[in-house]
Amino acid sequence: MTTWPDPERQLIARYLAGLGLRHADSCTSYRHVLNSFQDVAECHAELGKDVMVAWLQTLSDHWMATTLLNRTRIIDRFLDHLLNIGAIERNPVTALCGACNIKRCRPVWRALASHDLEQALA
């Protein structure tokens, strides 16, 4: 079982510092997206599909669907980073892609954001 690995919130800061973003606004936007994901992840026992659905539902009131789906790419890359440094055992998005035989992550995020998740992933 993979739980959220960073209760002190240091991994996000290190990740952002390593990205070399050119504009302060970009760093602020990334930090907001990643912190909002961590806020949701910390409320769950396992880093999995439930976390991703809860995060999407939480932010769907604040962002348009297209913007929200664009923000998922930030989460994808961060989860890949956490996997690469050994902070998590598996990337839950990639795991869903594999389970559903889907090559790209965006369709999985779109399905997670839908009202009928099981039908969308079928």
C-alpha atoms as a PDB file:
ATOM      1  CA  MET A   1       0.000   0.000   0.000  1.00  0.00           C
ATOM      2  CA  THR A   2       1.322   3.442  -0.926  1.00  0.00           C
ATOM      3  CA  THR A   3       0.571   6.278   1.474  1.00  0.00           C
ATOM      4  CA  TRP A   4       1.473   9.934   1.088  1.00  0.00           C
ATOM      5  CA  PRO A   5       5.242  10.091   1.727  1.00  0.00           C
ATOM      6  CA  ASP A   6       5.761  13.712   2.736  1.00  0.00           C
ATOM      7  CA  PRO A   7       3.931  14.953   5.841  1.00  0.00           C
ATOM      8  CA  GLU A   8       6.527  17.738   6.279  1.00  0.00           C
ATOM      9  CA  ARG A   9       5.905  18.969   2.701  1.00  0.00           C
ATOM     10  CA  GLN A  10       9.560  19.024   1.740  1.00  0.00           C
ATOM     11  CA  LEU A  11       9.313  16.928  -1.433  1.00  0.00           C
ATOM     12  CA  ILE A  12       7.177  19.500  -3.240  1.00  0.00           C
ATOM     13  CA  ALA A  13       9.633  22.294  -2.440  1.00  0.00           C
ATOM     14  CA  ARG A  14      12.606  20.215  -3.632  1.00  0.00           C
ATOM     15  CA  TYR A  15      10.756  19.121  -6.751  1.00  0.00           C
ATOM     16  CA  LEU A  16       9.844  22.696  -7.682  1.00  0.00           C
ATOM     17  CA  ALA A  17      13.388  23.898  -7.052  1.00  0.00           C
ATOM     18  CA  GLY A  18      14.679  21.218  -9.408  1.00  0.00           C
ATOM     19  CA  LEU A  19      12.290  22.085 -12.240  1.00  0.00           C
ATOM     20  CA  GLY A  20      14.021  25.331 -13.105  1.00  0.00           C
ATOM     21  CA  LEU A  21      10.783  27.145 -13.874  1.00  0.00           C
ATOM     22  CA  ARG A  22      11.496  30.486 -15.505  1.00  0.00           C
ATOM     23  CA  HIS A  23       8.702  32.540 -13.971  1.00  0.00           C
ATOM     24  CA  ALA A  24       7.699  32.985 -10.349  1.00  0.00           C
ATOM     25  CA  ASP A  25       4.057  32.723 -11.406  1.00  0.00           C
ATOM     26  CA  SER A  26       4.688  29.249 -12.805  1.00  0.00           C
ATOM     27  CA  CYS A  27       6.234  28.121  -9.538  1.00  0.00           C
ATOM     28  CA  THR A  28       3.287  29.554  -7.615  1.00  0.00           C
ATOM     29  CA  SER A  29       0.802  27.766  -9.882  1.00  0.00           C
ATOM     30  CA  TYR A  30       2.628  24.448  -9.616  1.00  0.00           C
ATOM     31  CA  ARG A  31       2.888  24.785  -5.833  1.00  0.00           C
ATOM     32  CA  HIS A  32      -0.836  25.486  -5.564  1.00  0.00           C
ATOM     33  CA  VAL A  33      -1.730  22.437  -7.666  1.00  0.00           C
ATOM     34  CA  LEU A  34       0.660  20.122  -5.829  1.00  0.00           C
ATOM     35  CA  ASN A  35      -0.325  21.369  -2.376  1.00  0.00           C
ATOM     36  CA  SER A  36      -4.004  20.936  -3.186  1.00  0.00           C
ATOM     37  CA  PHE A  37      -3.290  17.347  -4.237  1.00  0.00           C
ATOM     38  CA  GLN A  38      -1.303  16.709  -1.073  1.00  0.00           C
ATOM     39  CA  ASP A  39      -4.107  18.168   1.068  1.00  0.00           C
ATOM     40  CA  VAL A  40      -6.464  15.565  -0.365  1.00  0.00           C
ATOM     41  CA  ALA A  41      -3.920  12.727  -0.304  1.00  0.00           C
ATOM     42  CA  GLU A  42      -3.192  13.253   3.385  1.00  0.00           C
ATOM     43  CA  CYS A  43      -6.858  12.600   4.187  1.00  0.00           C
ATOM     44  CA  HIS A  44      -6.706   9.105   2.677  1.00  0.00           C
ATOM     45  CA  ALA A  45      -5.007   5.978   3.969  1.00  0.00           C
ATOM     46  CA  GLU A  46      -3.824   4.920   0.507  1.00  0.00           C
ATOM     47  CA  LEU A  47      -2.562   6.869  -2.493  1.00  0.00           C
ATOM     48  CA  GLY A  48      -4.881   5.493  -5.158  1.00  0.00           C
ATOM     49  CA  LYS A  49      -7.928   6.079  -7.298  1.00  0.00           C
ATOM     50  CA  ASP A  50      -9.970   7.497  -4.385  1.00  0.00           C
ATOM     51  CA  VAL A  51      -7.419  10.275  -3.841  1.00  0.00           C
ATOM     52  CA  MET A  52      -7.449  11.256  -7.486  1.00  0.00           C
ATOM     53  CA  VAL A  53     -11.269  11.285  -7.658  1.00  0.00           C
ATOM     54  CA  ALA A  54     -11.509  13.306  -4.436  1.00  0.00           C
ATOM     55  CA  TRP A  55      -8.945  15.836  -5.699  1.00  0.00           C
ATOM     56  CA  LEU A  56     -10.790  16.251  -8.990  1.00  0.00           C
ATOM     57  CA  GLN A  57     -14.111  16.705  -7.189  1.00  0.00           C
ATOM     58  CA  THR A  58     -12.653  19.215  -4.750  1.00  0.00           C
ATOM     59  CA  LEU A  59     -11.258  21.406  -7.504  1.00  0.00           C
ATOM     60  CA  SER A  60     -14.072  21.021 -10.008  1.00  0.00           C
ATOM     61  CA  ASP A  61     -15.901  23.831  -8.194  1.00  0.00           C
ATOM     62  CA  HIS A  62     -12.960  26.191  -8.739  1.00  0.00           C
ATOM     63  CA  TRP A  63     -11.645  25.313 -12.206  1.00  0.00           C
ATOM     64  CA  MET A  64     -13.250  24.625 -15.548  1.00  0.00           C
ATOM     65  CA  ALA A  65     -12.967  20.998 -16.671  1.00  0.00           C
ATOM     66  CA  THR A  66     -10.379  21.806 -19.342  1.00  0.00           C
ATOM     67  CA  THR A  67      -8.182  23.693 -16.875  1.00  0.00           C
ATOM     68  CA  LEU A  68      -8.491  20.918 -14.328  1.00  0.00           C
ATOM     69  CA  LEU A  69      -7.465  18.298 -16.872  1.00  0.00           C
ATOM     70  CA  ASN A  70      -4.460  20.440 -17.814  1.00  0.00           C
ATOM     71  CA  ARG A  71      -3.451  20.572 -14.142  1.00  0.00           C
ATOM     72  CA  THR A  72      -3.474  16.779 -13.975  1.00  0.00           C
ATOM     73  CA  ARG A  73      -0.274  16.774 -16.020  1.00  0.00           C
ATOM     74  CA  ILE A  74       1.492  18.520 -13.139  1.00  0.00           C
ATOM     75  CA  ILE A  75       0.291  15.763 -10.811  1.00  0.00           C
ATOM     76  CA  ASP A  76       1.340  13.037 -13.282  1.00  0.00           C
ATOM     77  CA  ARG A  77       4.872  14.370 -13.488  1.00  0.00           C
ATOM     78  CA  PHE A  78       5.159  14.803  -9.737  1.00  0.00           C
ATOM     79  CA  LEU A  79       3.928  11.257  -9.079  1.00  0.00           C
ATOM     80  CA  ASP A  80       6.469   9.991 -11.618  1.00  0.00           C
ATOM     81  CA  HIS A  81       9.143  11.954  -9.756  1.00  0.00           C
ATOM     82  CA  LEU A  82       8.088  10.458  -6.414  1.00  0.00           C
ATOM     83  CA  LEU A  83       8.257   6.987  -7.954  1.00  0.00           C
ATOM     84  CA  ASN A  84      11.705   7.650  -9.451  1.00  0.00           C
ATOM     85  CA  ILE A  85      13.162   8.789  -6.117  1.00  0.00           C
ATOM     86  CA  GLY A  86      11.570   5.857  -4.288  1.00  0.00           C
ATOM     87  CA  ALA A  87       9.145   7.932  -2.222  1.00  0.00           C
ATOM     88  CA  ILE A  88       6.139   5.901  -3.447  1.00  0.00           C
ATOM     89  CA  GLU A  89       5.874   2.276  -4.531  1.00  0.00           C
ATOM     90  CA  ARG A  90       3.732   2.926  -7.588  1.00  0.00           C
ATOM     91  CA  ASN A  91       2.183   5.780  -9.513  1.00  0.00           C
ATOM     92  CA  PRO A  92      -1.586   5.256  -9.163  1.00  0.00           C
ATOM     93  CA  VAL A  93      -2.299   6.955 -12.494  1.00  0.00           C
ATOM     94  CA  THR A  94       0.115   4.714 -14.352  1.00  0.00           C
ATOM     95  CA  ALA A  95      -1.301   1.701 -12.515  1.00  0.00           C
ATOM     96  CA  LEU A  96      -4.800   2.590 -13.726  1.00  0.00           C
ATOM     97  CA  CYS A  97      -3.508   3.064 -17.250  1.00  0.00           C
ATOM     98  CA  GLY A  98      -2.025  -0.411 -17.143  1.00  0.00           C
ATOM     99  CA  ALA A  99      -5.134  -1.955 -15.605  1.00  0.00           C
ATOM    100  CA  CYS A 100      -7.335  -0.391 -18.283  1.00  0.00           C
ATOM    101  CA  ASN A 101      -4.851  -1.045 -21.110  1.00  0.00           C
ATOM    102  CA  ILE A 102      -4.582   2.679 -21.875  1.00  0.00           C
ATOM    103  CA  LYS A 103      -1.242   4.087 -23.030  1.00  0.00           C
ATOM    104  CA  ARG A 104      -1.708   7.729 -22.015  1.00  0.00           C
ATOM    105  CA  CYS A 105      -2.764   9.210 -18.675  1.00  0.00           C
ATOM    106  CA  ARG A 106      -5.145  11.929 -19.870  1.00  0.00           C
ATOM    107  CA  PRO A 107      -8.003   9.528 -20.737  1.00  0.00           C
ATOM    108  CA  VAL A 108      -7.694   8.028 -17.252  1.00  0.00           C
ATOM    109  CA  TRP A 109      -7.941  11.461 -15.638  1.00  0.00           C
ATOM    110  CA  ARG A 110     -10.919  12.283 -17.863  1.00  0.00           C
ATOM    111  CA  ALA A 111     -12.609   9.059 -16.740  1.00  0.00           C
ATOM    112  CA  LEU A 112     -11.843   9.825 -13.089  1.00  0.00           C
ATOM    113  CA  ALA A 113     -13.481  13.230 -13.500  1.00  0.00           C
ATOM    114  CA  SER A 114     -16.630  11.760 -15.059  1.00  0.00           C
ATOM    115  CA  HIS A 115     -19.839  11.175 -13.147  1.00  0.00           C
ATOM    116  CA  ASP A 116     -19.898   7.462 -14.011  1.00  0.00           C
ATOM    117  CA  LEU A 117     -16.350   6.360 -13.250  1.00  0.00           C
ATOM    118  CA  GLU A 118     -16.810   2.626 -13.746  1.00  0.00           C
ATOM    119  CA  GLN A 119     -18.469   3.108 -17.143  1.00  0.00           C
ATOM    120  CA  ALA A 120     -15.796   5.596 -18.219  1.00  0.00           C
ATOM    121  CA  LEU A 121     -12.983   3.188 -17.331  1.00  0.00           C
ATOM    122  CA  ALA A 122     -14.657   0.219 -19.031  1.00  0.00           C
END
